[in-house]
Protein backbone atom coordinates (compact mmCIF):
# COMPACT_ATOMS: atom_id res chain seq x y z
CA MET A 1 28.99 84.76 -27.70
CA GLU A 2 26.24 82.74 -29.05
CA GLY A 3 27.69 79.29 -27.39
CA THR A 4 27.94 81.04 -24.16
CA TRP A 5 24.07 82.44 -24.30
CA SER A 6 23.08 78.64 -25.02
CA PHE A 7 25.04 77.34 -22.04
CA GLY A 8 23.36 79.60 -19.56
CA LEU A 9 19.83 79.35 -21.03
CA ALA A 10 20.77 75.42 -20.22
CA ILE A 11 22.09 76.24 -16.81
CA LEU A 12 18.80 78.53 -15.75
CA VAL A 13 16.50 75.42 -17.32
CA VAL A 14 18.42 72.44 -15.40
CA ALA A 15 18.16 75.14 -12.25
CA LEU A 16 14.42 76.11 -12.60
CA ALA A 17 14.10 72.20 -12.42
CA GLY A 18 16.12 71.23 -9.86
CA THR A 19 14.41 74.08 -7.89
CA ALA A 20 11.42 72.67 -8.62
CA ALA A 21 12.54 68.99 -7.60
CA VAL A 22 13.34 69.99 -4.16
CA ALA A 23 9.79 71.98 -4.19
CA SER A 24 8.24 68.57 -4.68
CA ASN A 25 8.96 67.18 -1.65
CA ARG A 26 6.53 70.25 0.07
CA LEU A 27 3.85 68.63 -2.29
CA SER A 28 4.69 65.13 -1.51
CA GLU A 29 3.89 65.67 1.82
CA ARG A 30 0.89 66.91 1.38
CA THR A 31 -0.32 64.70 -0.98
CA ARG A 32 1.52 61.58 0.61
CA VAL A 33 2.52 60.65 -3.04
CA PRO A 34 6.15 60.35 -3.17
CA ALA A 35 8.47 62.55 -4.61
CA PRO A 36 9.98 60.52 -6.78
CA ALA A 37 6.76 60.12 -8.91
CA PHE A 38 6.74 63.39 -9.97
CA PHE A 39 10.20 63.54 -11.14
CA LEU A 40 9.70 59.98 -13.17
CA VAL A 41 6.06 61.25 -14.40
CA VAL A 42 7.12 65.10 -15.08
CA ALA A 43 9.91 63.81 -16.47
CA ALA A 44 8.39 61.06 -19.21
CA VAL A 45 5.46 64.00 -19.96
CA ALA A 46 8.80 66.35 -20.96
CA VAL A 47 9.95 63.81 -23.57
CA ASP A 48 6.67 64.08 -25.40
CA VAL A 49 6.37 67.80 -25.26
CA PHE A 50 10.34 68.18 -26.17
CA PRO A 51 10.82 65.23 -28.70
CA GLY A 52 14.77 66.67 -28.53
CA LEU A 53 15.03 64.97 -25.25
CA ARG A 54 14.82 61.85 -26.76
CA GLU A 55 18.59 61.94 -27.56
CA LEU A 56 19.84 61.10 -24.22
CA SER A 57 21.19 57.63 -25.17
CA THR A 58 20.69 54.55 -22.97
CA ALA A 59 24.09 54.21 -22.15
CA THR A 60 24.65 57.43 -21.04
CA VAL A 61 21.14 57.10 -19.13
CA GLN A 62 22.48 53.93 -17.52
CA ASP A 63 25.92 55.50 -16.09
CA VAL A 64 24.19 58.88 -14.78
CA VAL A 65 21.59 56.32 -12.89
CA THR A 66 24.69 53.79 -12.20
CA VAL A 67 26.50 57.34 -10.33
CA ALA A 68 23.39 57.85 -8.37
CA LEU A 69 22.97 54.38 -7.27
CA VAL A 70 26.39 54.43 -5.89
CA VAL A 71 25.98 57.39 -3.96
CA LEU A 72 22.22 56.11 -2.59
CA LEU A 73 23.72 52.71 -1.67
CA PHE A 74 26.51 53.82 0.48
CA GLN A 75 24.30 56.97 1.98
CA GLY A 76 21.97 54.22 2.85
CA GLY A 77 24.58 51.43 4.39
CA MET A 78 26.02 54.56 6.47
CA ASP A 79 22.13 55.85 7.55
CA LEU A 80 21.61 51.91 8.64
CA GLY A 81 25.27 51.13 10.18
CA TRP A 82 26.89 47.89 11.64
CA ARG A 83 25.10 48.53 15.35
CA ARG A 84 21.88 48.40 13.56
CA PHE A 85 22.71 46.08 10.33
CA ARG A 86 24.19 43.03 12.67
CA PRO A 87 21.06 41.91 14.78
CA GLU A 88 19.25 41.77 11.83
CA ALA A 89 21.87 40.29 9.51
CA ARG A 90 20.36 36.82 9.10
CA ALA A 91 16.76 38.59 8.21
CA ILE A 92 18.21 40.97 5.93
CA LEU A 93 20.03 38.50 4.08
CA VAL A 94 17.27 35.77 3.78
CA ILE A 95 14.57 38.15 2.49
CA GLY A 96 17.18 40.49 0.83
CA VAL A 97 18.37 37.16 -1.40
CA LEU A 98 15.88 34.49 -1.21
CA GLY A 99 12.99 37.00 -1.38
CA THR A 100 14.88 38.40 -4.70
CA PHE A 101 14.91 34.98 -6.41
CA ALA A 102 11.52 33.71 -5.00
CA THR A 103 9.64 37.43 -6.45
CA ALA A 104 11.35 36.91 -9.89
CA GLY A 105 10.32 33.46 -10.00
CA LEU A 106 6.63 33.95 -9.71
CA LEU A 107 6.26 37.00 -11.40
CA ALA A 108 8.14 34.81 -13.92
CA VAL A 109 5.81 32.25 -14.11
CA ALA A 110 2.39 35.26 -14.05
CA ALA A 111 4.43 36.81 -17.07
CA HIS A 112 4.21 33.28 -19.13
CA THR A 113 0.79 32.66 -17.67
CA LEU A 114 -0.99 35.59 -18.43
CA LEU A 115 0.96 38.04 -20.91
CA GLY A 116 1.99 34.98 -22.92
CA LEU A 117 5.32 35.73 -22.86
CA ASP A 118 8.28 33.10 -23.70
CA TRP A 119 9.98 32.04 -20.54
CA ARG A 120 13.55 33.97 -21.22
CA PRO A 121 11.36 37.14 -21.44
CA ALA A 122 9.39 36.27 -18.53
CA LEU A 123 12.53 35.78 -16.56
CA LEU A 124 14.03 38.79 -17.29
CA LEU A 125 11.00 41.09 -16.68
CA GLY A 126 10.62 39.10 -13.44
CA THR A 127 14.04 39.83 -12.85
CA ALA A 128 13.95 43.36 -13.24
CA LEU A 129 10.73 44.04 -11.08
CA ALA A 130 12.33 42.01 -7.90
CA PRO A 131 14.33 44.89 -6.19
CA THR A 132 12.63 47.19 -3.60
CA ASP A 133 13.20 50.80 -2.88
CA PRO A 134 13.21 51.96 0.46
CA ALA A 135 13.63 55.66 -0.77
CA VAL A 136 10.37 56.25 -1.79
CA VAL A 137 8.91 54.53 1.71
CA PHE A 138 10.62 56.62 3.58
CA SER A 139 9.95 59.52 1.10
CA VAL A 140 6.37 59.30 1.51
CA LEU A 141 6.75 58.85 5.40
CA GLY A 142 7.83 62.42 5.37
CA ARG A 143 9.18 63.10 9.09
CA ARG A 144 7.83 59.78 10.49
CA ARG A 145 10.11 57.01 11.05
CA ILE A 146 9.67 53.55 11.55
CA THR A 147 10.86 52.54 14.72
CA GLY A 148 11.09 48.49 15.80
CA ARG A 149 12.45 45.62 13.37
CA ALA A 150 10.79 47.23 10.06
CA GLY A 151 12.51 50.02 10.48
CA VAL A 152 16.00 47.93 10.10
CA LEU A 153 14.39 45.34 7.52
CA LEU A 154 12.84 47.64 5.13
CA PRO A 155 16.47 49.67 4.28
CA GLY A 156 18.42 46.49 4.71
CA GLU A 157 16.41 44.81 2.59
CA SER A 158 16.59 46.89 -0.65
CA GLY A 159 20.04 47.47 -0.14
CA ALA A 160 20.85 43.98 0.11
CA ASN A 161 18.39 42.74 -3.20
CA ASP A 162 18.98 46.02 -5.10
CA PRO A 163 22.84 44.39 -5.84
CA VAL A 164 21.16 41.07 -5.97
CA GLY A 165 18.76 42.11 -8.69
CA ILE A 166 21.44 43.60 -10.78
CA ALA A 167 23.91 40.69 -10.65
CA LEU A 168 21.19 38.30 -11.25
CA MET A 169 20.22 40.33 -14.49
CA ALA A 170 23.63 40.53 -15.86
CA GLY A 171 23.96 36.67 -15.39
CA LEU A 172 20.61 35.92 -17.50
CA LEU A 173 21.58 38.51 -19.95
CA GLY A 174 25.06 37.05 -20.11
CA SER A 175 23.92 33.37 -20.93
CA SER A 176 23.25 31.38 -23.73
CA GLY A 177 22.45 27.95 -24.49
CA GLY A 178 19.48 25.72 -22.73
CA ALA A 179 17.71 26.29 -19.50
CA LEU A 180 20.62 24.29 -17.68
CA GLY A 181 23.00 26.26 -19.07
CA THR A 182 21.51 29.38 -18.89
CA ALA A 183 21.02 28.35 -15.06
CA GLY A 184 24.34 27.03 -14.36
CA HIS A 185 26.45 30.13 -15.52
CA THR A 186 23.94 32.57 -14.06
CA ALA A 187 24.71 30.77 -10.84
CA VAL A 188 28.49 31.05 -11.03
CA LEU A 189 28.13 34.41 -11.81
CA PHE A 190 25.95 35.52 -9.31
CA VAL A 191 28.27 34.02 -6.73
CA GLN A 192 31.28 35.42 -7.91
CA GLU A 193 29.62 39.05 -7.46
CA MET A 194 28.22 38.82 -4.44
CA VAL A 195 31.60 37.04 -2.78
CA VAL A 196 33.73 39.66 -4.36
CA GLY A 197 31.27 42.15 -3.81
CA ALA A 198 30.91 41.66 -0.42
CA VAL A 199 34.88 41.28 0.47
CA LEU A 200 35.97 44.30 -1.02
CA GLY A 201 32.89 46.46 0.04
CA ALA A 202 34.51 45.29 3.98
CA ALA A 203 38.12 45.61 2.64
CA GLY A 204 37.49 49.14 1.55
CA GLY A 205 35.15 49.97 4.63
CA TRP A 206 37.74 49.30 6.83
CA ALA A 207 40.74 50.84 4.53
CA LEU A 208 38.15 54.21 4.76
CA LYS A 209 37.78 53.73 8.60
CA TRP A 210 41.62 53.88 9.34
CA LEU A 211 41.56 57.06 6.76
CA MET A 212 38.82 58.96 8.51
CA ARG A 213 40.27 58.31 12.10
CA ARG A 214 44.42 58.25 10.72
CA VAL A 215 44.97 60.74 8.19
CA ALA A 216 44.26 64.36 8.77
CA LEU A 217 44.02 66.46 6.08
CA PRO A 218 44.09 70.70 5.62
CA ALA A 219 40.53 71.91 5.10
CA GLU A 220 37.16 70.97 6.35
CA GLY A 221 35.39 70.69 3.41
CA LEU A 222 38.10 67.75 2.26
CA TYR A 223 37.06 65.07 4.39
CA PRO A 224 33.30 64.46 2.51
CA LEU A 225 35.31 64.53 -0.44
CA ARG A 226 37.53 61.82 0.32
CA THR A 227 34.99 59.79 1.78
CA LEU A 228 32.86 60.18 -1.42
CA ALA A 229 36.05 59.59 -3.51
CA GLY A 230 36.21 56.22 -1.31
CA ALA A 231 32.91 54.97 -1.99
CA PHE A 232 33.56 55.23 -5.68
CA ALA A 233 37.00 53.59 -5.36
CA VAL A 234 35.34 50.78 -3.65
CA TYR A 235 32.94 50.50 -6.58
CA GLY A 236 35.01 50.54 -9.34
CA LEU A 237 37.65 48.20 -7.82
CA ALA A 238 34.95 45.61 -6.87
CA THR A 239 33.83 46.11 -10.75
CA VAL A 240 36.85 45.64 -12.25
CA ALA A 241 37.20 42.58 -10.23
CA HIS A 242 34.25 40.85 -11.48
CA GLY A 243 32.37 41.75 -8.41
CA SER A 244 29.09 43.62 -7.39
CA GLY A 245 30.11 47.16 -7.25
CA PHE A 246 26.82 48.24 -5.41
CA LEU A 247 26.96 45.64 -3.08
CA ALA A 248 30.37 46.68 -2.04
CA VAL A 249 29.59 49.90 -1.68
CA PHE A 250 26.11 48.91 0.61
CA VAL A 251 28.63 47.18 2.67
CA ALA A 252 31.22 49.94 3.36
CA GLY A 253 28.75 52.37 4.00
CA ILE A 254 27.23 49.85 6.53
CA LEU A 255 30.76 49.41 8.16
CA LEU A 256 31.22 53.48 8.08
CA GLY A 257 28.06 54.29 9.86
CA ASP A 258 29.04 54.20 13.31
CA VAL A 259 32.55 55.11 13.01
CA ARG A 260 33.73 57.81 15.41
CA ALA A 261 36.05 60.36 13.10
CA PRO A 262 36.56 63.75 12.77
CA TYR A 263 34.38 65.81 11.08
CA LYS A 264 31.40 62.80 10.81
CA ARG A 265 28.25 64.57 11.28
CA GLU A 266 29.60 67.49 8.65
CA ILE A 267 30.04 63.91 6.47
CA GLU A 268 27.08 62.48 7.18
CA ARG A 269 25.05 65.56 6.15
CA PHE A 270 27.16 65.99 3.02
CA HIS A 271 26.16 62.61 1.77
CA THR A 272 22.37 62.69 3.43
CA ALA A 273 22.32 65.86 1.11
CA LEU A 274 24.14 64.47 -2.26
CA GLY A 275 21.83 61.20 -1.82
CA SER A 276 18.88 63.68 -2.31
CA LEU A 277 20.54 64.70 -5.58
CA GLY A 278 20.61 61.14 -7.17
CA GLU A 279 17.37 60.18 -6.18
CA VAL A 280 16.19 63.31 -8.19
CA VAL A 281 19.08 62.76 -11.03
CA ALA A 282 18.01 58.78 -10.99
CA PHE A 283 14.26 59.37 -11.70
CA ALA A 284 14.39 62.50 -13.67
CA VAL A 285 16.52 60.86 -16.41
CA LEU A 286 14.85 57.27 -16.32
CA GLY A 287 12.03 59.41 -16.72
CA LEU A 288 13.24 60.50 -20.10
CA THR A 289 13.78 57.34 -21.59
CA VAL A 290 9.96 56.46 -21.60
CA PRO A 291 7.63 58.03 -24.69
CA LEU A 292 4.46 58.10 -22.99
CA TRP A 293 2.50 57.54 -26.25
CA THR A 294 3.59 54.54 -27.12
CA PHE A 295 1.78 52.56 -24.03
CA THR A 296 -1.77 52.77 -25.14
CA ALA A 297 -0.70 50.83 -29.10
CA GLU A 298 1.65 48.47 -27.47
CA GLY A 299 -0.69 47.43 -24.30
CA ALA A 300 1.92 48.40 -21.55
CA TRP A 301 -0.89 49.58 -19.76
CA GLN A 302 -2.90 47.11 -19.14
CA ASP A 303 0.20 44.25 -19.34
CA GLY A 304 1.81 46.62 -16.38
CA LEU A 305 -1.12 46.88 -14.52
CA ILE A 306 -2.31 43.06 -14.24
CA LEU A 307 1.58 43.10 -12.71
CA ALA A 308 1.33 45.22 -10.59
CA VAL A 309 -1.76 44.53 -9.03
CA LEU A 310 -0.45 40.72 -8.87
CA LEU A 311 2.46 41.91 -7.40
CA ALA A 312 1.38 44.05 -4.99
CA LEU A 313 -1.37 41.82 -3.46
CA VAL A 314 0.00 38.49 -3.61
CA VAL A 315 3.42 37.84 -5.20
CA ARG A 316 4.98 39.95 -2.22
CA PRO A 317 2.74 38.71 0.55
CA VAL A 318 3.21 35.17 -0.43
CA VAL A 319 7.16 35.68 -0.24
CA MET A 320 7.10 37.57 2.71
CA ALA A 321 4.88 35.51 4.72
CA VAL A 322 6.96 32.42 3.43
CA LEU A 323 10.51 34.43 4.68
CA LEU A 324 9.29 36.04 7.75
CA TRP A 325 6.74 33.43 9.82
CA ARG A 326 9.56 32.31 11.66
CA MET A 327 10.76 35.75 12.87
CA ARG A 328 9.74 37.18 16.04
CA MET A 329 7.98 40.20 14.94
CA SER A 330 4.05 41.42 15.25
CA LEU A 331 1.34 40.16 13.12
CA GLY A 332 1.17 44.03 11.65
CA GLU A 333 4.60 44.26 11.20
CA ARG A 334 4.81 41.12 8.87
CA ALA A 335 1.55 42.67 7.10
CA PHE A 336 2.87 46.34 6.44
CA LEU A 337 6.59 44.31 5.18
CA ALA A 338 4.16 42.54 2.93
CA PHE A 339 3.07 45.93 1.43
CA THR A 340 5.68 48.40 1.59
CA GLY A 341 7.88 46.57 -1.27
CA LEU A 342 7.91 49.28 -3.39
CA LYS A 343 9.98 49.57 -6.59
CA GLY A 344 11.80 52.21 -7.67
CA ALA A 345 14.98 53.05 -10.20
CA VAL A 346 16.56 50.31 -9.97
CA PRO A 347 13.90 48.16 -11.96
CA VAL A 348 13.86 50.72 -14.62
CA LEU A 349 17.46 50.43 -14.80
CA LEU A 350 17.27 46.77 -15.20
CA GLY A 351 14.68 47.63 -17.47
CA SER A 352 16.79 49.39 -19.86
CA TYR A 353 19.19 46.63 -19.53
CA ILE A 354 17.07 44.53 -21.67
CA VAL A 355 16.72 46.95 -24.00
CA SER A 356 20.49 47.44 -24.52
CA SER A 357 21.03 43.81 -24.72
CA GLN A 358 18.50 43.87 -27.54
CA VAL A 359 16.15 41.09 -26.22
CA ALA A 360 12.92 40.01 -28.08
CA ASP A 361 10.43 42.34 -27.40
CA ALA A 362 12.74 44.62 -24.91
CA ASP A 363 10.75 47.44 -25.66
CA ARG A 364 7.65 46.37 -24.04
CA LEU A 365 9.35 44.66 -21.21
CA TYR A 366 10.53 47.84 -20.44
CA ASP A 367 7.34 49.73 -21.14
CA ILE A 368 5.86 47.31 -18.72
CA VAL A 369 8.62 47.69 -16.32
CA PHE A 370 7.92 51.45 -16.12
CA VAL A 371 4.00 51.14 -15.78
CA VAL A 372 4.52 48.87 -12.59
CA VAL A 373 6.94 51.14 -10.99
CA VAL A 374 4.77 54.29 -11.55
CA PHE A 375 1.69 52.49 -10.16
CA SER A 376 3.98 51.15 -7.14
CA VAL A 377 4.97 54.85 -6.37
CA VAL A 378 1.98 56.66 -7.06
CA VAL A 379 -0.69 53.87 -5.57
CA GLN A 380 1.26 51.87 -3.05
CA GLY A 381 3.57 54.62 -1.84
CA SER A 382 0.49 57.01 -1.20
CA LEU A 383 -1.24 54.57 1.03
CA VAL A 384 2.23 53.70 3.06
CA PRO A 385 0.99 55.59 6.04
CA THR A 386 -2.32 54.43 6.08
CA VAL A 387 -1.18 50.60 6.17
CA ALA A 388 1.38 51.71 8.61
CA ARG A 389 -1.92 52.86 10.89
CA TRP A 390 -4.05 50.03 10.50
CA CYS A 391 -0.94 47.64 10.85
CA ARG A 392 0.08 49.38 14.21
CA VAL A 393 3.53 49.17 13.23
CA PRO A 394 5.32 51.51 15.67
CA MET A 395 6.70 55.21 14.44
CA ARG A 396 7.88 58.40 15.51
CA SER A 397 7.46 61.71 14.05
CA VAL A 398 10.87 63.35 13.68
CA GLU A 399 10.46 67.04 13.93
CA LEU A 400 13.28 69.67 11.73
CA GLU A 401 16.14 70.64 14.14
CA PRO A 402 17.90 73.64 12.28
CA TRP A 403 19.76 74.49 15.51
CA ALA A 404 22.52 72.99 16.56
CA LEU A 405 25.21 72.92 20.02
CA GLY A 406 28.57 71.42 19.04
CA VAL A 407 32.08 72.02 20.80
CA ARG A 408 35.16 71.85 18.78
CA LEU A 409 37.96 69.98 19.59
CA ARG A 410 41.51 69.61 18.25
CA ASP A 411 41.90 65.67 19.71
CA ARG A 412 39.15 62.99 19.70
CA PRO A 413 37.00 63.32 22.81
CA GLU A 414 38.18 59.85 24.68
CA GLY A 415 35.24 58.95 26.44
CA VAL A 416 32.35 60.49 25.25
CA VAL A 417 29.68 58.92 23.69
CA ARG A 418 26.38 59.24 21.97
CA HIS A 419 23.62 56.98 22.33
CA VAL A 420 19.23 56.77 21.66
CA VAL A 421 17.42 55.28 24.29
CA ALA A 422 15.53 52.43 22.36
CA GLU A 423 12.01 51.47 23.21
CA GLY A 424 12.17 48.24 25.83
CA SER A 425 15.40 48.99 26.66
CA PRO A 426 16.55 48.95 30.62
CA ALA A 427 16.71 52.91 30.10
CA ASP A 428 13.15 53.24 28.65
CA GLY A 429 10.92 54.63 31.75
CA THR A 430 14.24 53.90 34.20
CA ALA A 431 15.92 57.21 36.32
CA ILE A 432 19.15 58.06 35.79
CA GLU A 433 20.34 56.92 39.43
CA GLU A 434 18.40 53.58 38.93
CA LEU A 435 20.60 52.85 36.01
CA ASP A 436 23.86 50.61 36.54
CA LEU A 437 26.06 52.77 34.54
CA GLY A 438 29.55 52.41 36.84
CA GLU A 439 31.40 54.27 39.40
CA ASP A 440 33.02 56.14 36.13
CA THR A 441 30.28 56.95 33.86
CA TRP A 442 27.40 59.81 34.37
CA ILE A 443 24.58 61.22 32.05
CA SER A 444 25.84 64.56 31.19
CA LEU A 445 23.12 65.77 28.48
CA VAL A 446 20.13 64.87 27.72
CA VAL A 447 18.29 65.78 24.08
CA ARG A 448 14.16 65.30 24.33
CA GLU A 449 12.19 66.04 21.53
CA GLY A 450 14.63 68.90 20.41
CA ARG A 451 15.30 70.60 23.73
CA LEU A 452 17.64 70.22 26.42
CA LEU A 453 16.96 68.81 29.66
CA ALA A 454 18.12 69.76 33.01
CA VAL A 455 19.82 66.59 34.14
CA SER A 456 19.69 64.87 37.53
CA GLY A 457 19.66 61.63 39.40
CA SER A 458 15.74 61.69 39.27
CA THR A 459 15.24 62.37 35.24
CA ARG A 460 13.73 59.48 34.32
CA LEU A 461 14.63 58.49 30.75
CA ARG A 462 12.09 57.94 27.64
CA ARG A 463 12.32 56.29 24.12
CA ASP A 464 14.31 58.74 21.74
CA ASP A 465 15.74 60.24 24.05
CA GLU A 466 19.57 61.30 22.63
CA ILE A 467 22.41 60.84 25.60
CA LEU A 468 25.54 62.08 25.80
CA LEU A 469 27.85 59.85 28.02
CA LEU A 470 31.54 60.44 29.64
CA THR A 471 32.19 57.13 30.56
CA GLY A 472 36.00 55.45 31.22
CA ASP A 473 34.38 52.26 31.09
CA ASP A 474 33.67 49.53 27.92
CA ASP A 475 30.91 51.44 25.97
CA GLU A 476 29.61 47.95 25.58
CA THR A 477 28.27 47.56 28.98
CA CYS A 478 26.48 50.75 28.88
CA ALA A 479 25.20 49.99 25.21
CA ARG A 480 23.51 47.07 26.48
CA LEU A 481 21.33 49.18 28.55
CA PHE A 482 20.00 51.76 25.87
CA SER A 483 19.56 49.29 23.14
CA THR A 484 17.88 46.34 22.36
CA HIS A 485 19.18 43.26 20.40
CA PRO A 486 15.84 40.95 19.49
CA THR A 487 16.86 37.10 18.26
């Protein structure tokens, strides 16, 4: 029975650690330090206190974090949705793709010049530190949500630049020979991964959409599991086809974000909870790979802090200033986007790829990546609300709504549509009787700040009101009344 006791002890420790991780979100709300920082630092300290935790192999860590990232990217894509993504698609691609290359290049120059690294290790380090992590941003914002273009560009950029950074790292590590050969091989591999990933992600998203709408299952709990299995199938298919599995699941998630399907709310809640678990697991497991006692001896603290400050105050602002200068947004939104390029799990994962590839000075590079990520999460992350206030970025407070009102139907409710009134839309500040809804459309329900309103023709709508429409007309016409589409 000794094995049973040991297993029970392990389960108890994991359960207590998970409970502490969930509770740390409350601490994060009070201190404004993102919860992922606690997972990462506590796990790193635990490695020094309990040396046995170092037995976790690099390959195992990469596999675990990869699974967590699939969940996070799919959930992030669903949260973004096609309707929010489509008007900003061009801007997201510009800052997600070109921004990743520009950031990696400028950081490589800085690492070569200031840290004395050879060009290849410097470029690998720059590539590892290029992707951003909006999960850290929204963790520190808590129940405050960014509205306007910045609220779409931040998650969209990360969803795009995470796969871009991973594909670029794969190309660099898989190349050999001179600079010209390396550049050619990396470019070919990068284009292949992006194209295959995008195509298979779109195909997988449409296939999952068809299954969600047309194929019924015998139990409610099976619907979220089918979507989760479909997400991993999309990732696996794209990876086997030598494409970017991460881009594929992100694209599939975007296409499913606005789909009306049976048990859609239950599916969304399931993936939101699973995304929170994936965030905890990814940062905790990555923290176990870093022995803190080596930093002082190898000078990683100094090198990491130099790059972190340079990245936050020079590289990221310069890159975003160039890429955003022709886009229609306020100066405050531009400054906020330039500051909130926070680093997270993906840079540490990319650093582990460098270690497993046995690159020269790999351990030093990995330690530098860890220091930059900790600085970004703890220092920059804690300043995000303050910077948002200084920049006058529009935000709204989202109070918890533990109670739900719903009606179960066996068939799809044709003609029932839900919208949220966007700031600056034709419906914002307009009475219901003044809206051009058409003869066959009427508003049956309005929810404002978590409370139901008595609806009449004189009811004046406000931004963030949730509207339930009964319509026999084309919903695209009604949708224009409640949304804005910037150019």
